[in-house]
Amino acid sequence: MKIIIFLLLPMIILAGNQSFKDIIIKKDNRQYTCSILSVDEQSLKIIYEYGQEVITSWDNLNKVILGDLGEVYTAESGLKAEIILIQEYLNKRQESLVEEEEVIVPDEEKDFSFGILYMPANFDDSKITESDLSIIIGTRYITIERSLPVFEGQFTAKLKRNWLLTLNIGYQYSRVIENDKIVGSTGIETLESIRSIFLDLGTRLYLKSFIGNRVRPFLSMSIGKKIAFANAEAKSGGQSAEDKNYENYLEDLNSPFFIGLGFGAEYYFNPSISVTTNLKFYYMTYSAERKIEEPYEPTEISKIDQSNIITRVGIGMHLYF
């Protein structure tokens, strides 16, 4: 549901600008708010406020109220204005609506933009299981207890009219609890905090603008690196094993290279300000090595070399200059 809301936000904003000023009353006395699009001697074409477009006969109606013209038809007296005058009024009203909607996308002189993107949704795996450890140590797993949203700064530079170069810098904070379950003991619980910076370089290709040039869909592609900074401390259970490089291990585990593909749309309030929504898919690869030393036991080395795909949804705002 969140994905649908974010991706449809430009349409939701646009819907607020659509004016439904006309009223029709049918033979059963039910009243409907609508916009009348055109008329002729036998019928009128209307669009209801929920989006359905229909053609109905004058004979099916008890009354028609047309914007500033007021009551133009009743079942008792028929048309109260000439069809040609009603259609002329509709044409002028449509022209004024088009002029209101005519917002130009960034003009040729605006080569750069800066924006902020907020990504509350992160559909990532919340548990990593290491199955290559010995039975003496048991199963070690890492569970993300709290992962805050990603905030991303976006810089763009125009390469061509519909093609931009993008540089994104993001930040995220996560708190992690690791439990080492050891046979015959309560195990060790360790609290870690991880601060991550995202850096990626890519391109954005805008597709054909529509709806008065207010909405511009786009495709995006990027490559980048996530850089993690970890801090770890024991919460309970004592210390039964000595890690030679535990914090480095956490940082490597959370510092993947990635390739990103996405799509989205921008809605322009004016040539300098827009709101944007997008859906991004990231293919990530990462590797990490951890050394664990038990008393009277040889050093255990745990290695992870994996890849995965995550999805993020974002909403933000851009300033063009």
Protein backbone atom coordinates (compact mmCIF):
# COMPACT_ATOMS: atom_id res chain seq x y z
CA MET A 1 0.00 0.00 0.00
CA LYS A 2 2.83 2.43 0.83
CA ILE A 3 4.36 1.80 -2.60
CA ILE A 4 1.08 2.63 -4.34
CA ILE A 5 0.58 5.83 -2.33
CA PHE A 6 4.11 7.09 -3.02
CA LEU A 7 4.03 6.32 -6.73
CA LEU A 8 0.58 7.86 -7.23
CA LEU A 9 1.33 11.02 -5.24
CA PRO A 10 1.79 13.25 -8.33
CA MET A 11 -1.59 12.07 -9.61
CA ILE A 12 -3.18 12.70 -6.22
CA ILE A 13 -1.84 16.26 -6.23
CA LEU A 14 -3.04 16.77 -9.77
CA ALA A 15 -6.51 15.49 -8.93
CA GLY A 16 -6.83 18.31 -6.42
CA ASN A 17 -6.50 20.78 -9.30
CA GLN A 18 -9.38 19.27 -11.33
CA SER A 19 -12.51 21.43 -11.05
CA PHE A 20 -15.96 19.81 -10.88
CA LYS A 21 -18.33 22.79 -10.89
CA ASP A 22 -21.39 21.44 -12.67
CA ILE A 23 -24.43 19.64 -11.27
CA ILE A 24 -26.92 17.30 -12.93
CA ILE A 25 -30.13 16.00 -11.35
CA LYS A 26 -31.51 12.81 -12.87
CA LYS A 27 -35.14 11.72 -13.22
CA ASP A 28 -35.00 9.90 -9.87
CA ASN A 29 -33.91 13.24 -8.27
CA ARG A 30 -30.40 11.99 -7.50
CA GLN A 31 -27.87 14.81 -7.74
CA TYR A 32 -24.32 14.41 -9.12
CA THR A 33 -21.33 16.74 -9.21
CA CYS A 34 -19.49 16.59 -12.53
CA SER A 35 -17.78 18.53 -15.31
CA ILE A 36 -19.69 18.99 -18.55
CA LEU A 37 -17.30 18.61 -21.48
CA SER A 38 -19.52 19.19 -24.53
CA VAL A 39 -23.17 19.43 -25.59
CA ASP A 40 -25.38 19.07 -28.67
CA GLU A 41 -29.11 19.13 -29.35
CA GLN A 42 -29.69 15.56 -28.11
CA SER A 43 -27.10 14.89 -25.41
CA LEU A 44 -24.24 16.11 -23.26
CA LYS A 45 -20.85 14.58 -22.47
CA ILE A 46 -19.85 14.65 -18.80
CA ILE A 47 -17.15 13.34 -16.49
CA TYR A 48 -18.06 12.48 -12.90
CA GLU A 49 -15.78 13.51 -10.03
CA TYR A 50 -14.77 9.86 -9.54
CA GLY A 51 -13.45 9.78 -13.13
CA GLN A 52 -16.13 8.03 -15.21
CA GLU A 53 -16.87 9.72 -18.55
CA VAL A 54 -20.35 9.22 -20.09
CA ILE A 55 -22.73 10.63 -22.69
CA THR A 56 -26.32 11.06 -21.53
CA SER A 57 -29.49 12.39 -23.16
CA TRP A 58 -31.12 15.62 -22.01
CA ASP A 59 -34.34 13.60 -21.64
CA ASN A 60 -32.76 11.55 -18.82
CA LEU A 61 -32.31 14.64 -16.66
CA ASN A 62 -34.52 16.83 -14.52
CA LYS A 63 -32.09 19.73 -14.24
CA VAL A 64 -28.60 20.84 -15.34
CA ILE A 65 -26.60 23.58 -13.59
CA LEU A 66 -23.57 24.69 -15.61
CA GLY A 67 -20.89 26.58 -13.67
CA ASP A 68 -21.27 30.37 -13.78
CA LEU A 69 -24.15 30.11 -16.27
CA GLY A 70 -26.35 28.54 -13.62
CA GLU A 71 -29.44 26.59 -14.60
CA VAL A 72 -29.35 25.86 -18.35
CA TYR A 73 -31.88 23.01 -18.57
CA THR A 74 -35.00 21.73 -16.79
CA ALA A 75 -37.32 18.91 -17.78
CA GLU A 76 -40.30 21.28 -17.67
CA SER A 77 -38.96 24.09 -19.87
CA GLY A 78 -36.13 22.39 -21.77
CA LEU A 79 -32.97 24.31 -22.71
CA LYS A 80 -32.78 27.83 -21.31
CA ALA A 81 -29.84 28.85 -23.51
CA GLU A 82 -28.86 28.16 -27.09
CA ILE A 83 -26.61 25.16 -27.66
CA ILE A 84 -24.04 27.28 -29.51
CA LEU A 85 -23.75 29.65 -26.52
CA ILE A 86 -23.39 26.75 -24.06
CA GLN A 87 -20.66 25.15 -26.18
CA GLU A 88 -18.85 28.48 -26.54
CA TYR A 89 -18.86 28.82 -22.75
CA LEU A 90 -17.47 25.28 -22.38
CA ASN A 91 -14.71 25.97 -24.92
CA LYS A 92 -13.61 29.12 -23.10
CA ARG A 93 -13.67 27.32 -19.76
CA GLN A 94 -11.53 24.52 -21.14
CA GLU A 95 -9.03 27.02 -22.55
CA SER A 96 -8.70 28.70 -19.15
CA LEU A 97 -8.12 25.33 -17.46
CA VAL A 98 -5.38 24.49 -19.96
CA GLU A 99 -3.70 27.84 -19.30
CA GLU A 100 -3.79 27.17 -15.55
CA GLU A 101 -2.24 23.74 -16.08
CA GLU A 102 0.46 25.02 -18.45
CA VAL A 103 3.47 24.83 -16.16
CA ILE A 104 6.72 24.48 -18.03
CA VAL A 105 9.31 21.95 -16.88
CA PRO A 106 12.78 23.38 -16.07
CA ASP A 107 13.78 25.72 -18.87
CA GLU A 108 16.97 25.46 -20.88
CA GLU A 109 18.85 27.80 -18.52
CA LYS A 110 18.40 25.56 -15.46
CA ASP A 111 21.25 23.06 -15.68
CA PHE A 112 21.45 21.90 -12.05
CA SER A 113 19.22 20.78 -9.21
CA PHE A 114 19.46 19.81 -5.56
CA GLY A 115 16.94 17.68 -3.73
CA ILE A 116 16.21 15.72 -0.56
CA LEU A 117 14.79 12.19 -0.76
CA TYR A 118 13.15 10.42 2.19
CA MET A 119 12.97 6.62 1.97
CA PRO A 120 10.88 5.16 4.82
CA ALA A 121 10.42 1.72 3.29
CA ASN A 122 13.30 -0.76 3.16
CA PHE A 123 12.22 -4.28 2.24
CA ASP A 124 15.51 -5.93 3.17
CA ASP A 125 16.24 -9.26 4.86
CA SER A 126 16.17 -8.61 8.62
CA LYS A 127 18.19 -11.70 9.59
CA ILE A 128 21.54 -13.07 8.43
CA THR A 129 22.29 -16.67 9.48
CA GLU A 130 25.82 -18.02 9.53
CA SER A 131 25.57 -21.77 9.00
CA ASP A 132 29.29 -22.45 8.60
CA LEU A 133 30.17 -22.20 12.33
CA SER A 134 31.02 -25.32 14.36
CA ILE A 135 28.45 -27.15 16.53
CA ILE A 136 30.35 -26.05 19.64
CA ILE A 137 29.47 -22.44 18.97
CA GLY A 138 26.02 -23.21 17.59
CA THR A 139 24.07 -20.76 15.44
CA ARG A 140 24.96 -17.10 15.37
CA TYR A 141 22.42 -14.71 13.93
CA ILE A 142 22.13 -10.97 13.55
CA THR A 143 18.72 -9.32 13.97
CA ILE A 144 18.06 -5.69 13.08
CA GLU A 145 16.13 -4.25 16.02
CA ARG A 146 15.69 -0.73 14.67
CA SER A 147 16.56 0.70 11.29
CA LEU A 148 15.77 4.36 10.72
CA PRO A 149 14.72 5.72 7.30
CA VAL A 150 17.30 6.63 4.70
CA PHE A 151 17.78 10.33 3.99
CA GLU A 152 19.43 11.10 0.68
CA GLY A 153 20.75 14.29 -0.86
CA GLN A 154 20.51 14.36 -4.65
CA PHE A 155 22.56 16.52 -7.00
CA THR A 156 21.86 16.55 -10.74
CA ALA A 157 23.55 18.15 -13.75
CA LYS A 158 21.95 18.27 -17.18
CA LEU A 159 23.77 16.38 -19.94
CA LYS A 160 21.03 16.81 -22.53
CA ARG A 161 17.46 18.07 -22.47
CA ASN A 162 15.98 14.89 -20.94
CA TRP A 163 19.14 13.24 -19.63
CA LEU A 164 20.72 14.06 -16.26
CA LEU A 165 23.85 13.02 -14.41
CA THR A 166 23.06 12.26 -10.75
CA LEU A 167 25.14 12.10 -7.57
CA ASN A 168 23.39 10.79 -4.46
CA ILE A 169 24.68 10.87 -0.88
CA GLY A 170 22.58 9.05 1.73
CA TYR A 171 22.68 8.35 5.48
CA GLN A 172 21.10 5.67 7.68
CA TYR A 173 21.41 4.60 11.32
CA SER A 174 20.71 1.04 12.50
CA ARG A 175 20.85 -0.64 15.89
CA VAL A 176 21.65 -4.35 15.87
CA ILE A 177 21.53 -7.09 18.51
CA GLU A 178 23.67 -10.20 18.00
CA ASN A 179 23.08 -13.39 19.99
CA ASP A 180 25.72 -16.13 20.17
CA LYS A 181 23.82 -19.27 21.19
CA ILE A 182 26.26 -21.77 22.66
CA VAL A 183 25.31 -25.33 23.63
CA GLY A 184 24.71 -25.58 27.40
CA SER A 185 24.89 -21.83 28.09
CA THR A 186 22.81 -18.69 27.83
CA GLY A 187 25.12 -17.22 25.22
CA ILE A 188 26.34 -13.70 24.64
CA GLU A 189 24.23 -10.70 23.68
CA THR A 190 26.03 -7.83 22.01
CA LEU A 191 24.63 -4.43 21.06
CA GLU A 192 25.93 -2.82 17.89
CA SER A 193 25.16 0.48 16.26
CA ILE A 194 25.88 1.01 12.59
CA ARG A 195 25.98 4.34 10.80
CA SER A 196 26.00 4.06 7.03
CA ILE A 197 26.75 6.47 4.21
CA PHE A 198 25.58 5.74 0.66
CA LEU A 199 27.42 7.13 -2.36
CA ASP A 200 26.22 6.47 -5.89
CA LEU A 201 26.71 7.97 -9.32
CA GLY A 202 24.17 7.48 -12.08
CA THR A 203 21.92 8.87 -14.78
CA ARG A 204 18.25 9.76 -15.06
CA LEU A 205 16.33 9.68 -18.34
CA TYR A 206 13.05 11.60 -18.51
CA LEU A 207 10.25 10.24 -20.66
CA LYS A 208 7.51 12.22 -22.38
CA SER A 209 5.87 14.88 -20.20
CA PHE A 210 2.10 14.91 -19.89
CA ILE A 211 -0.82 16.64 -18.17
CA GLY A 212 0.16 20.18 -19.08
CA ASN A 213 3.88 19.42 -18.66
CA ARG A 214 3.39 19.11 -14.92
CA VAL A 215 4.29 15.41 -14.67
CA ARG A 216 7.53 13.87 -15.98
CA PRO A 217 8.09 10.12 -15.54
CA PHE A 218 11.69 8.94 -15.54
CA LEU A 219 14.00 5.92 -15.46
CA SER A 220 17.20 5.83 -13.41
CA MET A 221 20.35 3.73 -13.15
CA SER A 222 23.33 4.04 -10.79
CA ILE A 223 26.33 2.27 -9.28
CA GLY A 224 27.66 2.94 -5.82
CA LYS A 225 29.09 1.93 -2.50
CA LYS A 226 27.66 1.81 1.01
CA ILE A 227 30.20 2.65 3.74
CA ALA A 228 29.41 1.52 7.30
CA PHE A 229 30.89 2.64 10.62
CA ALA A 230 30.26 0.16 13.45
CA ASN A 231 30.44 0.26 17.23
CA ALA A 232 29.94 -2.89 19.36
CA GLU A 233 29.65 -3.57 23.10
CA ALA A 234 28.59 -6.59 25.21
CA LYS A 235 25.15 -6.28 26.87
CA SER A 236 24.94 -9.57 28.79
CA GLY A 237 26.34 -13.07 29.12
CA GLY A 238 29.97 -12.19 29.64
CA GLN A 239 32.69 -12.74 27.08
CA SER A 240 33.38 -16.32 26.04
CA ALA A 241 35.20 -15.65 22.81
CA GLU A 242 37.61 -13.01 21.63
CA ASP A 243 36.98 -11.47 18.22
CA LYS A 244 40.10 -10.34 16.46
CA ASN A 245 38.26 -8.00 14.10
CA TYR A 246 34.60 -7.86 15.11
CA GLU A 247 33.87 -4.20 14.33
CA ASN A 248 35.74 -4.48 11.03
CA TYR A 249 33.64 -7.55 10.29
CA LEU A 250 30.41 -5.62 10.92
CA GLU A 251 31.59 -2.76 8.73
CA ASP A 252 32.49 -5.10 5.86
CA LEU A 253 29.18 -6.93 6.24
CA ASN A 254 27.28 -3.66 5.88
CA SER A 255 29.42 -2.01 3.19
CA PRO A 256 28.31 -3.57 -0.11
CA PHE A 257 28.85 -2.42 -3.65
CA PHE A 258 25.57 -2.04 -5.50
CA ILE A 259 23.87 -1.41 -8.82
CA GLY A 260 20.56 0.45 -8.73
CA LEU A 261 17.66 0.54 -11.21
CA GLY A 262 14.51 2.55 -10.67
CA PHE A 263 11.61 4.51 -12.04
CA GLY A 264 9.45 7.34 -10.78
CA ALA A 265 7.80 10.65 -11.61
CA GLU A 266 8.16 14.34 -10.83
CA TYR A 267 5.31 16.79 -10.37
CA TYR A 268 6.22 20.44 -11.04
CA PHE A 269 4.68 23.27 -9.04
CA ASN A 270 6.64 25.69 -11.24
CA PRO A 271 9.82 25.53 -13.36
CA SER A 272 12.02 25.65 -10.23
CA ILE A 273 10.29 23.37 -7.69
CA SER A 274 9.10 19.78 -8.01
CA VAL A 275 8.06 16.89 -5.80
CA THR A 276 9.31 13.45 -6.79
CA THR A 277 8.46 9.83 -6.01
CA ASN A 278 10.40 6.75 -7.02
CA LEU A 279 10.84 3.03 -6.60
CA LYS A 280 14.42 1.69 -6.59
CA PHE A 281 15.82 -1.83 -6.85
CA TYR A 282 19.37 -2.48 -5.64
CA TYR A 283 21.55 -5.49 -6.38
CA MET A 284 24.17 -5.66 -3.61
CA THR A 285 27.28 -7.78 -3.15
CA TYR A 286 29.25 -7.98 0.08
CA SER A 287 31.88 -10.10 1.79
CA ALA A 288 33.22 -10.23 5.34
CA GLU A 289 35.54 -12.36 7.46
CA ARG A 290 35.38 -12.83 11.22
CA LYS A 291 37.98 -14.46 13.47
CA ILE A 292 36.78 -16.00 16.76
CA GLU A 293 39.20 -17.39 19.34
CA GLU A 294 37.92 -19.85 21.98
CA PRO A 295 40.02 -20.91 25.01
CA TYR A 296 41.90 -24.13 24.25
CA GLU A 297 40.38 -24.23 20.77
CA PRO A 298 41.78 -23.31 17.36
CA THR A 299 40.74 -19.95 15.95
CA GLU A 300 37.42 -20.08 14.13
CA ILE A 301 37.16 -18.13 10.89
CA SER A 302 33.68 -17.27 9.63
CA LYS A 303 33.36 -15.96 6.07
CA ILE A 304 30.39 -14.49 4.26
CA ASP A 305 30.38 -13.82 0.53
CA GLN A 306 26.84 -13.12 -0.64
CA SER A 307 24.59 -10.94 -2.77
CA ASN A 308 20.97 -9.88 -2.48
CA ILE A 309 18.35 -7.54 -3.91
CA ILE A 310 16.56 -4.90 -1.86
CA THR A 311 13.76 -2.48 -2.71
CA ARG A 312 13.31 1.09 -1.52
CA VAL A 313 10.50 3.60 -2.01
CA GLY A 314 11.13 7.32 -1.68
CA ILE A 315 9.51 10.73 -1.80
CA GLY A 316 11.30 14.05 -2.00
CA MET A 317 11.58 17.56 -3.39
CA HIS A 318 13.90 19.19 -5.94
CA LEU A 319 15.02 22.78 -6.53
CA TYR A 320 16.26 23.65 -10.03
CA PHE A 321 18.72 26.46 -10.69
